Amino acid sequence: MTWQMASTHSVKISSPPIAALSLERPAGGAGLGRSAAAPLVSAVASTAHPEPATFAAAPAAAPLAAAAAAAAGIAAAGLLGRRRGRGRQPVRAALAAVPRRRETLVGVGAAALLPLPARAEAEPPTVVKQAAEGVWIFDQAFGIPGLGVGANIPVRMTVLQLEGGGVLVYNPCNPTSYCLQKLEEAGLTDVRYIVCGTIAVEHKYYSPQWAARFPNAEVWISPRTFSFPVNYGANVPLVGFPKGKKLNKIPKDATAAPWYSQGMDHLQLTVDYAPRTVFEETVMFHRPSGTFVCTDMLISLSDDPPEILTKSPYREGLVYFSRDTPLQSVDIDSEATLRDGYQKGTLLLNNINPRSLLSVAAGDLQVPDIIGLAFKAPQKQIGYFGWYPCDWQVTDAPCAKLETRQGNGAGSKPPECRPGWRGEWRRLAAGIDNSGIQVPSFVAELQISRDPEAVRSFAAAIAEKWPGIQRVVSSHFASPVPTTAEKVRRAISAVADGPPGPPARTADLSAILNFKDYLEENGLIYIPESGRGQWKAA
């Protein structure tokens, strides 16, 4: 799907226009001004939201949606906005000069982000698999604002068989005709509970449609879910729940939930990470199968693209990002091409401004140069008439400083001394302690790390309460992933210990870490402190 934007007021920020989804300026807080990490500004801001107690269909962007916005800025900068004070410089030597930024006037603030159908089809594709006994996953994907071809993120609904009959639907997806057909074929239409595992928009937007289709199902939402800018309650006009539908708040005390006696359990983590801004997620455990189910708490990255991304229109995005430079030709039917495109797009989504990448959005490349290369591109049909504002280093340059954190100043990313993207990918996909699982970088560095003690306690509670974990099913990227309770604990608690290692992996996160420093210095996110998070009932 793509996204539609609506807004009530504007603020000038230094960031790629495509990346700007929504922004709330905290009351009394400093404006964003000019961030040295331009692609990140609006992306992280798009996760900001106030906290009235009721639910609207689409209040704010999720952490990974925000990452997608930043990746879109990297990919599409220069298509919109206006350049100021830029000279024409050689593509490979652009960073010898001080990076320059665009000023873009974007509509931000009270934004409503509405998922729209994928452009290539009337209905977006769905991939359905049985992940374990009593566990089914329904994979779809969402795309990037303004881009027909770009980085796409898999998004997943999980359906869990209850003991005694019926099913629990976790994070409802788009109820397309194919999705509902597969639900019926699997005998999963006795929907007892619809659970929105987070306040993130893409995981709850379709819940009103599911509530209308399954009127006997109870709807359960995160306690801090809200509607903004207008507090409509549950019955948001046009896109809200059916009139009179009751919304239940998921309790911190799992024994108070109706599914507790039906083979299900849950824990909930809430962290206030910025003024009027909260991260909240309910993770679940399916006792009969030993399946740990989460939303954005963990991800796993396979070397090959998830099947959903190989379907049109997402496949085209993999082909688009498969190239190292605009002048490269690729075999659009090759599995290796799709794999390269997936890995590079995922690096953009997780590392945001990879050290291996020169881009227009980061100020490394110049628009006139990229336009000139677009005219010479051998495969203009891949997308945007040959426009490809990227230059990827494939392997580590001999002079690359793999373990040195990259700064923001001129020359901080020497074009001829970059790490290679293949090495960046290996370090990213390894996860924590080579477990293959990790907390996404946006969630880890900018959100739940604001209360290290709560994160450690939450992770310990998972391992203690559910020692029988056999696999993880998350709402993004690869699933199911074989694992153990101890590996889950280590992956989550590692957030409390700071950026992930080894040193080269820490350095790969330079853009996010620099941006985190900027946000902390300007009071836009809290300094880590005990007491900002909750994970159990009082």
Protein backbone atom coordinates (compact mmCIF):
# COMPACT_ATOMS: atom_id res chain seq x y z
CA MET A 1 0.00 0.00 0.00
CA THR A 2 1.00 3.63 -0.16
CA TRP A 3 0.11 6.45 2.20
CA GLN A 4 -2.03 9.55 1.98
CA MET A 5 -1.23 12.63 4.03
CA ALA A 6 -3.49 15.28 5.53
CA SER A 7 -2.40 18.04 7.88
CA THR A 8 -3.50 21.19 9.69
CA HIS A 9 -0.40 23.38 9.83
CA SER A 10 3.08 23.66 8.43
CA VAL A 11 6.58 24.01 9.82
CA LYS A 12 9.84 24.44 7.94
CA ILE A 13 12.31 21.62 8.53
CA SER A 14 15.51 20.54 6.88
CA SER A 15 14.68 17.13 5.47
CA PRO A 16 13.79 15.32 2.27
CA PRO A 17 10.18 16.13 1.31
CA ILE A 18 9.22 12.51 0.72
CA ALA A 19 10.40 11.62 4.20
CA ALA A 20 8.17 14.16 5.92
CA LEU A 21 5.08 12.36 7.12
CA SER A 22 4.06 14.00 10.35
CA LEU A 23 5.60 16.09 13.07
CA GLU A 24 4.49 17.23 16.45
CA ARG A 25 6.45 19.98 18.13
CA PRO A 26 6.28 19.22 21.85
CA ALA A 27 4.75 21.96 23.94
CA GLY A 28 7.52 24.24 25.13
CA GLY A 29 10.13 22.22 23.24
CA ALA A 30 12.71 23.40 20.80
CA GLY A 31 11.97 23.38 17.09
CA LEU A 32 13.76 20.84 14.96
CA GLY A 33 15.60 23.44 12.94
CA ARG A 34 18.40 22.08 10.76
CA SER A 35 19.42 18.59 11.73
CA ALA A 36 22.74 17.24 10.57
CA ALA A 37 20.93 13.97 10.03
CA ALA A 38 18.36 15.44 7.67
CA PRO A 39 16.72 12.23 6.43
CA LEU A 40 15.91 11.27 10.00
CA VAL A 41 14.21 14.43 11.22
CA SER A 42 10.72 13.96 9.92
CA ALA A 43 10.92 10.19 10.15
CA VAL A 44 11.42 10.11 13.89
CA ALA A 45 9.09 13.05 14.34
CA SER A 46 6.42 11.02 12.62
CA THR A 47 6.41 8.64 15.56
CA ALA A 48 5.52 11.48 17.91
CA HIS A 49 1.97 11.63 19.15
CA PRO A 50 -0.10 12.87 22.07
CA GLU A 51 -1.99 10.52 24.27
CA PRO A 52 -5.74 10.92 24.66
CA ALA A 53 -7.28 7.66 25.75
CA THR A 54 -9.42 6.74 22.78
CA PHE A 55 -8.80 5.14 19.43
CA ALA A 56 -8.70 6.51 15.92
CA ALA A 57 -7.95 4.47 12.87
CA ALA A 58 -4.77 6.24 11.84
CA PRO A 59 -3.20 8.57 14.36
CA ALA A 60 0.54 8.39 13.71
CA ALA A 61 3.30 6.56 11.94
CA ALA A 62 4.90 3.52 13.52
CA PRO A 63 8.62 3.14 14.20
CA LEU A 64 9.23 1.10 11.06
CA ALA A 65 6.91 3.29 9.04
CA ALA A 66 9.04 6.20 10.18
CA ALA A 67 12.16 4.35 9.08
CA ALA A 68 10.50 3.76 5.74
CA ALA A 69 9.89 7.47 5.42
CA ALA A 70 13.55 8.19 6.03
CA ALA A 71 14.54 5.55 3.48
CA ALA A 72 12.19 7.17 1.02
CA GLY A 73 13.99 10.44 1.54
CA ILE A 74 17.31 8.78 0.74
CA ALA A 75 15.85 7.22 -2.40
CA ALA A 76 13.75 10.07 -3.73
CA ALA A 77 15.34 13.31 -2.59
CA GLY A 78 15.63 15.73 -5.45
CA LEU A 79 12.32 14.71 -7.04
CA LEU A 80 10.60 17.40 -4.95
CA GLY A 81 11.71 20.41 -2.92
CA ARG A 82 14.11 23.16 -3.96
CA ARG A 83 17.86 23.19 -3.98
CA ARG A 84 19.66 26.17 -2.54
CA GLY A 85 23.28 27.25 -2.96
CA ARG A 86 24.53 24.05 -4.58
CA GLY A 87 27.31 23.96 -7.11
CA ARG A 88 27.71 21.23 -9.65
CA GLN A 89 30.25 18.75 -8.27
CA PRO A 90 31.46 15.36 -9.42
CA VAL A 91 29.30 12.56 -8.03
CA ARG A 92 32.09 10.62 -6.38
CA ALA A 93 33.74 13.69 -4.81
CA ALA A 94 30.66 15.46 -3.48
CA LEU A 95 31.55 14.98 0.17
CA ALA A 96 34.73 17.01 -0.18
CA ALA A 97 32.48 20.03 0.29
CA VAL A 98 30.28 20.86 3.27
CA PRO A 99 27.01 18.93 2.95
CA ARG A 100 24.11 21.18 1.98
CA ARG A 101 20.44 20.62 2.72
CA ARG A 102 17.12 21.42 1.17
CA GLU A 103 14.54 23.43 3.02
CA THR A 104 11.14 21.98 2.34
CA LEU A 105 7.85 23.42 3.49
CA VAL A 106 5.82 20.38 4.41
CA GLY A 107 2.42 19.92 5.94
CA VAL A 108 2.99 18.39 9.36
CA GLY A 109 1.46 18.15 12.81
CA ALA A 110 -2.06 16.76 12.95
CA ALA A 111 -1.53 14.19 10.23
CA ALA A 112 -3.87 11.37 9.27
CA LEU A 113 -2.04 8.64 7.39
CA LEU A 114 -4.39 6.44 5.44
CA PRO A 115 -3.20 3.21 3.81
CA LEU A 116 -4.20 3.01 0.18
CA PRO A 117 -4.24 -0.01 -2.17
CA ALA A 118 -1.00 -0.92 -3.90
CA ARG A 119 -0.84 0.98 -7.16
CA ALA A 120 -0.27 -2.06 -9.40
CA GLU A 121 -3.35 -3.98 -8.33
CA ALA A 122 -6.90 -3.40 -7.12
CA GLU A 123 -6.00 -5.40 -4.02
CA PRO A 124 -2.54 -5.77 -2.50
CA PRO A 125 -1.19 -9.33 -2.49
CA THR A 126 -1.24 -11.55 0.59
CA VAL A 127 0.97 -14.53 1.42
CA VAL A 128 -0.52 -17.00 3.90
CA LYS A 129 1.45 -19.67 5.77
CA GLN A 130 1.00 -21.89 8.79
CA ALA A 131 3.86 -20.99 11.12
CA ALA A 132 3.21 -23.68 13.74
CA GLU A 133 0.40 -25.86 15.03
CA GLY A 134 -2.41 -23.41 15.68
CA VAL A 135 -0.49 -20.39 14.31
CA TRP A 136 -1.06 -18.78 10.88
CA ILE A 137 0.59 -15.71 9.40
CA PHE A 138 -0.87 -13.41 6.75
CA ASP A 139 1.82 -11.29 5.11
CA GLN A 140 1.19 -8.07 3.23
CA ALA A 141 3.41 -5.00 2.75
CA PHE A 142 3.26 -1.25 2.68
CA GLY A 143 5.19 1.13 0.49
CA ILE A 144 6.59 4.61 0.68
CA PRO A 145 4.72 7.91 0.34
CA GLY A 146 5.00 9.29 -3.17
CA LEU A 147 6.98 6.39 -4.58
CA GLY A 148 5.55 3.85 -6.98
CA VAL A 149 8.86 2.01 -6.83
CA GLY A 150 10.80 2.12 -3.59
CA ALA A 151 11.66 0.41 -0.33
CA ASN A 152 8.78 -1.64 1.07
CA ILE A 153 8.23 -3.16 4.50
CA PRO A 154 6.51 -6.50 5.09
CA VAL A 155 3.66 -6.22 7.57
CA ARG A 156 2.05 -9.25 9.18
CA MET A 157 -1.19 -10.38 10.81
CA THR A 158 -0.98 -13.42 13.08
CA VAL A 159 -3.97 -15.67 13.76
CA LEU A 160 -3.78 -17.88 16.86
CA GLN A 161 -5.96 -20.88 17.63
CA LEU A 162 -7.51 -20.72 21.09
CA GLU A 163 -7.94 -23.69 23.38
CA GLY A 164 -11.62 -24.53 23.44
CA GLY A 165 -12.32 -23.09 19.98
CA GLY A 166 -12.13 -19.84 18.08
CA VAL A 167 -9.17 -17.69 17.13
CA LEU A 168 -7.41 -14.51 18.21
CA VAL A 169 -6.39 -12.08 15.45
CA TYR A 170 -3.26 -10.10 16.33
CA ASN A 171 -2.65 -6.89 14.33
CA PRO A 172 -5.33 -7.18 11.62
CA CYS A 173 -4.17 -6.73 8.03
CA ASN A 174 -6.10 -5.55 4.97
CA PRO A 175 -9.14 -7.89 4.75
CA THR A 176 -8.88 -8.42 1.00
CA SER A 177 -11.05 -11.02 -0.70
CA TYR A 178 -8.03 -13.34 -1.00
CA CYS A 179 -7.15 -12.88 2.67
CA LEU A 180 -10.69 -13.71 3.76
CA GLN A 181 -10.82 -16.67 1.39
CA LYS A 182 -7.67 -18.13 2.94
CA LEU A 183 -9.01 -17.44 6.41
CA GLU A 184 -12.12 -19.46 5.58
CA GLU A 185 -10.18 -22.28 3.91
CA ALA A 186 -8.08 -22.67 7.05
CA GLY A 187 -11.19 -22.77 9.25
CA LEU A 188 -10.28 -19.57 11.06
CA THR A 189 -13.50 -17.57 10.77
CA ASP A 190 -14.60 -18.00 14.39
CA VAL A 191 -12.88 -14.80 15.44
CA ARG A 192 -13.24 -14.29 19.19
CA TYR A 193 -10.71 -11.48 19.80
CA ILE A 194 -9.19 -8.73 17.65
CA VAL A 195 -6.02 -7.52 19.38
CA CYS A 196 -4.12 -4.39 18.35
CA GLY A 197 -0.67 -5.14 19.72
CA THR A 198 0.61 -1.58 19.48
CA ILE A 199 -0.46 2.01 18.90
CA ALA A 200 1.33 1.96 15.52
CA VAL A 201 -0.98 2.89 12.67
CA GLU A 202 -0.23 0.14 10.16
CA HIS A 203 -1.00 -2.54 12.74
CA LYS A 204 -4.43 -1.25 13.71
CA TYR A 205 -5.76 0.67 10.74
CA TYR A 206 -7.84 -2.26 9.48
CA SER A 207 -9.24 -3.31 12.85
CA PRO A 208 -12.54 -1.41 12.34
CA GLN A 209 -13.11 -3.39 9.13
CA TRP A 210 -12.47 -6.65 10.96
CA ALA A 211 -14.80 -5.59 13.76
CA ALA A 212 -17.53 -4.89 11.21
CA ARG A 213 -16.99 -8.22 9.45
CA PHE A 214 -16.86 -10.19 12.72
CA PRO A 215 -19.33 -8.33 14.96
CA ASN A 216 -19.19 -10.92 17.74
CA ALA A 217 -15.44 -10.51 18.18
CA GLU A 218 -14.17 -8.46 21.12
CA VAL A 219 -11.75 -5.66 20.24
CA TRP A 220 -8.76 -5.10 22.52
CA ILE A 221 -6.41 -2.13 22.16
CA SER A 222 -3.30 -0.74 23.85
CA PRO A 223 -4.26 1.40 26.85
CA ARG A 224 -2.45 4.47 25.51
CA THR A 225 -4.09 4.32 22.08
CA PHE A 226 -5.66 7.62 21.10
CA SER A 227 -7.44 9.67 18.48
CA PHE A 228 -5.90 12.91 17.29
CA PRO A 229 -6.41 15.76 16.53
CA VAL A 230 -10.11 15.29 17.29
CA ASN A 231 -11.20 12.90 20.02
CA TYR A 232 -13.96 11.10 18.17
CA GLY A 233 -13.82 8.04 20.37
CA ALA A 234 -14.27 4.69 18.68
CA ASN A 235 -16.69 5.87 16.00
CA VAL A 236 -14.36 7.89 13.78
CA PRO A 237 -16.35 9.07 10.74
CA LEU A 238 -15.92 6.83 7.67
CA VAL A 239 -12.96 4.83 8.97
CA GLY A 240 -13.90 4.12 12.60
CA PHE A 241 -15.49 1.19 14.37
CA PRO A 242 -19.18 0.37 13.96
CA LYS A 243 -21.40 2.53 16.11
CA GLY A 244 -21.65 1.19 19.61
CA LYS A 245 -18.65 -1.15 19.32
CA LYS A 246 -16.94 -1.51 22.68
CA LEU A 247 -13.17 -1.15 22.81
CA ASN A 248 -11.42 -2.95 25.64
CA LYS A 249 -8.01 -1.90 26.93
CA ILE A 250 -5.49 -4.72 27.18
CA PRO A 251 -4.75 -5.11 30.90
CA LYS A 252 -1.21 -5.11 32.30
CA ASP A 253 -2.29 -8.08 34.41
CA ALA A 254 -2.51 -10.90 31.87
CA THR A 255 -4.72 -13.03 34.10
CA ALA A 256 -7.46 -10.42 33.68
CA ALA A 257 -7.61 -10.99 29.92
CA PRO A 258 -10.25 -13.43 28.62
CA TRP A 259 -7.73 -15.34 26.47
CA TYR A 260 -5.55 -16.22 29.46
CA SER A 261 -7.64 -19.30 30.14
CA GLN A 262 -7.62 -20.25 26.45
CA GLY A 263 -3.96 -21.01 25.92
CA MET A 264 -2.73 -17.42 25.50
CA ASP A 265 -0.66 -15.11 27.68
CA HIS A 266 0.74 -11.61 27.28
CA LEU A 267 3.09 -8.96 28.64
CA GLN A 268 3.02 -5.26 27.90
CA LEU A 269 5.80 -2.67 27.78
CA THR A 270 5.10 1.06 27.90
CA VAL A 271 7.87 3.66 27.66
CA ASP A 272 7.39 7.43 27.55
CA TYR A 273 10.34 8.34 25.35
CA ALA A 274 9.61 12.00 24.52
CA PRO A 275 7.24 14.77 25.64
CA ARG A 276 3.67 13.52 25.18
CA THR A 277 5.05 10.58 23.21
CA VAL A 278 4.87 6.90 24.06
CA PHE A 279 5.96 3.49 22.84
CA GLU A 280 3.59 0.73 23.87
CA GLU A 281 3.47 -2.88 22.75
CA THR A 282 1.72 -6.02 23.92
CA VAL A 283 3.63 -9.21 23.17
CA MET A 284 1.84 -12.55 23.35
CA PHE A 285 2.69 -16.19 23.95
CA HIS A 286 0.79 -19.07 22.37
CA ARG A 287 1.29 -21.81 24.95
CA PRO A 288 0.28 -24.85 22.86
CA SER A 289 2.92 -24.14 20.17
CA GLY A 290 5.54 -22.24 22.16
CA THR A 291 5.23 -19.24 19.82
CA PHE A 292 6.29 -15.76 20.96
CA VAL A 293 4.30 -13.14 19.00
CA CYS A 294 5.30 -9.49 18.83
CA THR A 295 4.90 -6.37 16.72
CA ASP A 296 7.99 -4.14 16.60
CA MET A 297 9.78 -5.62 19.62
CA LEU A 298 11.92 -7.98 17.55
CA ILE A 299 12.79 -8.54 13.91
CA SER A 300 14.76 -11.18 12.04
CA LEU A 301 16.35 -10.59 8.65
CA SER A 302 16.72 -13.42 6.18
CA ASP A 303 19.26 -13.16 3.36
CA ASP A 304 16.52 -13.74 0.80
CA PRO A 305 13.54 -11.40 0.55
CA PRO A 306 10.30 -12.44 2.27
CA GLU A 307 7.97 -13.96 -0.29
CA ILE A 308 5.52 -11.05 -0.10
CA LEU A 309 8.19 -8.65 -1.40
CA THR A 310 8.69 -10.78 -4.51
CA LYS A 311 5.09 -10.08 -5.52
CA SER A 312 4.17 -7.11 -7.70
CA PRO A 313 4.19 -4.20 -6.95
CA TYR A 314 6.85 -4.79 -4.29
CA ARG A 315 9.10 -6.83 -6.58
CA GLU A 316 9.70 -3.72 -8.67
CA GLY A 317 11.13 -2.01 -5.60
CA LEU A 318 13.67 -4.81 -5.15
CA VAL A 319 14.79 -4.44 -8.75
CA TYR A 320 15.05 -0.65 -8.36
CA PHE A 321 17.39 -0.88 -5.36
CA SER A 322 19.42 -3.79 -6.74
CA ARG A 323 21.79 -1.47 -8.63
CA ASP A 324 24.95 -0.01 -7.15
CA THR A 325 24.90 3.04 -9.45
CA PRO A 326 22.50 4.50 -12.04
CA LEU A 327 24.67 3.18 -14.88
CA GLN A 328 24.61 -0.45 -13.78
CA SER A 329 22.56 -3.00 -15.75
CA VAL A 330 20.89 -5.84 -13.85
CA ASP A 331 19.02 -9.01 -14.76
CA ILE A 332 15.51 -8.17 -13.60
CA ASP A 333 14.52 -11.85 -13.52
CA SER A 334 17.47 -13.01 -11.41
CA GLU A 335 17.02 -14.13 -7.82
CA ALA A 336 20.40 -12.57 -7.04
CA THR A 337 19.09 -9.21 -8.29
CA LEU A 338 16.07 -9.41 -6.02
CA ARG A 339 18.27 -10.46 -3.10
CA ASP A 340 20.61 -7.51 -3.59
CA GLY A 341 17.69 -5.09 -3.86
CA TYR A 342 16.09 -6.46 -0.73
CA GLN A 343 19.28 -6.26 1.31
CA LYS A 344 20.04 -2.69 0.24
CA GLY A 345 16.47 -1.54 0.83
CA THR A 346 16.51 -3.16 4.26
CA LEU A 347 19.81 -1.47 5.09
CA LEU A 348 18.11 1.84 4.30
CA LEU A 349 15.19 0.98 6.56
CA ASN A 350 17.37 -0.09 9.48
CA ASN A 351 20.60 1.93 9.23
CA ILE A 352 18.82 4.88 7.50
CA ASN A 353 22.01 6.44 6.04
CA PRO A 354 24.27 3.41 5.51
CA ARG A 355 27.99 4.13 5.56
CA SER A 356 28.31 2.30 2.25
CA LEU A 357 25.89 4.68 0.52
CA LEU A 358 26.31 8.06 -1.09
CA SER A 359 22.94 9.70 -1.73
CA VAL A 360 21.32 12.96 -2.75
CA ALA A 361 19.24 13.09 0.44
CA ALA A 362 22.31 12.99 2.69
CA GLY A 363 24.03 15.71 0.64
CA ASP A 364 26.64 13.33 -0.77
CA LEU A 365 25.51 13.57 -4.40
CA GLN A 366 24.29 16.50 -6.45
CA VAL A 367 20.97 16.61 -8.28
CA PRO A 368 22.36 17.86 -11.63
CA ASP A 369 24.89 15.01 -11.67
CA ILE A 370 22.22 12.42 -10.99
CA ILE A 371 19.96 13.90 -13.66
CA GLY A 372 22.85 13.64 -16.11
CA LEU A 373 23.38 9.99 -15.18
CA ALA A 374 19.64 9.34 -15.53
CA PHE A 375 19.84 10.29 -19.22
CA LYS A 376 22.62 7.71 -19.64
CA ALA A 377 21.00 4.97 -17.54
CA PRO A 378 20.74 1.74 -19.57
CA GLN A 379 17.52 0.55 -17.89
CA LYS A 380 15.25 3.55 -17.53
CA GLN A 381 12.24 1.23 -17.40
CA ILE A 382 13.25 0.09 -13.90
CA GLY A 383 11.82 3.30 -12.48
CA TYR A 384 11.72 7.10 -12.60
CA PHE A 385 13.16 7.34 -16.11
CA GLY A 386 16.63 6.39 -14.92
CA TRP A 387 16.65 8.56 -11.77
CA TYR A 388 18.57 6.63 -9.10
CA PRO A 389 20.14 8.96 -6.48
CA CYS A 390 22.38 6.28 -4.97
CA ASP A 391 26.01 5.18 -5.17
CA TRP A 392 26.70 2.00 -3.18
CA GLN A 393 30.15 0.73 -2.22
CA VAL A 394 30.01 -3.06 -2.71
CA THR A 395 32.99 -4.31 -0.67
CA ASP A 396 35.11 -2.67 2.00
CA ALA A 397 37.55 -0.16 0.57
CA PRO A 398 41.14 -0.81 1.77
CA CYS A 399 41.16 2.56 3.52
CA ALA A 400 37.73 2.14 5.15
CA LYS A 401 37.71 2.60 8.94
CA LEU A 402 35.21 -0.11 9.81
CA GLU A 403 35.16 0.49 13.57
CA THR A 404 35.11 4.30 13.53
CA ARG A 405 31.83 6.06 14.13
CA GLN A 406 31.01 8.46 11.31
CA GLY A 407 30.49 12.11 12.13
CA ASN A 408 28.28 14.75 10.55
CA GLY A 409 30.85 17.14 9.16
CA ALA A 410 32.40 17.51 5.74
CA GLY A 411 34.49 14.51 4.79
CA SER A 412 32.92 12.27 7.42
CA LYS A 413 32.00 9.79 4.67
CA PRO A 414 34.97 9.76 2.27
CA PRO A 415 33.63 8.51 -1.09
CA GLU A 416 36.68 6.34 -1.76
CA CYS A 417 37.04 4.95 1.77
CA ARG A 418 33.64 3.51 2.55
CA PRO A 419 32.73 0.14 4.08
CA GLY A 420 30.96 -2.15 1.63
CA TRP A 421 27.23 -2.74 1.81
CA ARG A 422 27.66 -6.52 1.81
CA GLY A 423 29.60 -6.31 5.07
CA GLU A 424 27.05 -3.90 6.52
CA TRP A 425 24.34 -6.38 5.65
CA ARG A 426 26.11 -9.32 7.31
CA ARG A 427 26.56 -7.35 10.52
CA LEU A 428 22.93 -6.22 10.52
CA ALA A 429 21.41 -9.62 9.75
CA ALA A 430 23.48 -11.37 12.44
CA GLY A 431 21.31 -9.89 15.17
CA ILE A 432 22.36 -9.82 18.81
CA ASP A 433 25.09 -12.35 19.65
CA ASN A 434 24.57 -13.93 16.21
CA SER A 435 21.07 -15.00 17.31
CA GLY A 436 19.44 -13.66 14.14
CA ILE A 437 17.00 -11.55 16.17
CA GLN A 438 17.22 -7.96 17.39
CA VAL A 439 15.16 -4.94 18.37
CA PRO A 440 14.84 -2.62 15.30
CA SER A 441 17.31 0.24 15.50
CA PHE A 442 14.65 2.99 15.64
CA VAL A 443 12.83 1.28 18.49
CA ALA A 444 16.03 0.41 20.33
CA GLU A 445 17.99 3.64 20.10
CA LEU A 446 15.25 6.27 20.12
CA GLN A 447 12.38 4.75 22.09
CA ILE A 448 12.61 1.93 24.61
CA SER A 449 16.22 2.74 25.55
CA ARG A 450 14.81 5.76 27.42
CA ASP A 451 14.28 3.42 30.41
CA PRO A 452 16.99 0.73 30.48
CA GLU A 453 15.78 -0.73 33.77
CA ALA A 454 12.25 -1.31 32.45
CA VAL A 455 13.65 -2.94 29.31
CA ARG A 456 15.84 -5.34 31.31
CA SER A 457 12.97 -6.24 33.62
CA PHE A 458 10.58 -6.75 30.72
CA ALA A 459 13.06 -9.02 28.93
CA ALA A 460 13.71 -11.02 32.10
CA ALA A 461 9.97 -11.43 32.65
CA ILE A 462 9.58 -12.91 29.16
CA ALA A 463 12.23 -15.57 29.78
CA GLU A 464 10.97 -16.33 33.28
CA LYS A 465 7.30 -16.51 32.37
CA TRP A 466 7.68 -18.31 29.03
CA PRO A 467 10.70 -20.63 29.20
CA GLY A 468 9.10 -22.81 26.53
CA ILE A 469 9.55 -20.29 23.69
CA GLN A 470 10.41 -22.19 20.50
CA ARG A 471 9.98 -19.55 17.83
CA VAL A 472 9.33 -15.86 17.23
CA VAL A 473 6.64 -14.47 14.95
CA SER A 474 7.05 -10.72 14.60
CA SER A 475 5.04 -8.30 12.48
CA HIS A 476 7.85 -7.42 10.07
CA PHE A 477 10.42 -9.23 7.93
CA ALA A 478 11.19 -12.95 8.41
CA SER A 479 8.93 -15.25 10.44
CA PRO A 480 8.69 -17.76 11.99
CA VAL A 481 12.21 -17.81 13.45
CA PRO A 482 13.37 -20.71 15.65
CA THR A 483 14.73 -19.36 18.93
CA THR A 484 14.72 -19.78 22.71
CA ALA A 485 13.51 -17.77 25.67
CA GLU A 486 17.09 -16.92 26.60
CA LYS A 487 17.86 -15.58 23.12
CA VAL A 488 14.74 -13.42 23.25
CA ARG A 489 15.78 -12.10 26.65
CA ARG A 490 19.28 -11.26 25.46
CA ALA A 491 18.09 -9.58 22.27
CA ILE A 492 15.68 -7.27 24.11
CA SER A 493 17.81 -6.57 27.20
CA ALA A 494 20.79 -5.69 24.96
CA VAL A 495 19.02 -2.38 24.27
CA ALA A 496 19.66 -1.37 27.87
CA ASP A 497 23.40 -1.85 27.39
CA GLY A 498 23.72 0.63 24.53
CA PRO A 499 24.18 0.27 20.77
CA PRO A 500 24.82 -3.27 19.54
CA GLY A 501 28.32 -4.60 18.89
CA PRO A 502 30.81 -5.48 17.60
CA PRO A 503 32.41 -2.04 17.05
CA ALA A 504 31.85 -2.15 13.29
CA ARG A 505 28.14 -2.76 13.84
CA THR A 506 27.99 0.17 16.25
CA ALA A 507 29.70 2.34 13.64
CA ASP A 508 27.14 1.21 11.04
CA LEU A 509 24.49 2.98 13.13
CA SER A 510 26.33 6.31 13.01
CA ALA A 511 23.44 8.21 11.42
CA ILE A 512 20.91 7.07 14.02
CA LEU A 513 23.32 7.55 16.93
CA ASN A 514 24.22 11.06 15.74
CA PHE A 515 20.55 11.86 15.42
CA LYS A 516 19.86 10.46 18.88
CA ASP A 517 22.50 12.82 20.26
CA TYR A 518 20.82 15.72 18.46
CA LEU A 519 17.38 14.83 19.83
CA GLU A 520 18.68 14.47 23.37
CA GLU A 521 20.62 17.74 23.23
CA ASN A 522 17.51 19.61 22.08
CA GLY A 523 15.07 17.98 24.50
CA LEU A 524 13.14 16.20 21.75
CA ILE A 525 13.57 12.80 23.38
CA TYR A 526 14.24 12.07 27.03
CA ILE A 527 17.63 11.21 28.43
CA PRO A 528 17.55 7.55 29.61
CA GLU A 529 16.20 7.39 33.14
CA SER A 530 14.56 4.80 35.35
CA GLY A 531 10.82 5.24 35.77
CA ARG A 532 9.88 6.21 32.23
CA GLY A 533 8.69 2.71 31.46
CA GLN A 534 6.18 0.22 32.80
CA TRP A 535 5.94 -3.46 32.07
CA LYS A 536 3.70 -4.90 34.78
CA ALA A 537 0.57 -4.08 36.70
CA ALA A 538 1.06 -1.79 39.71
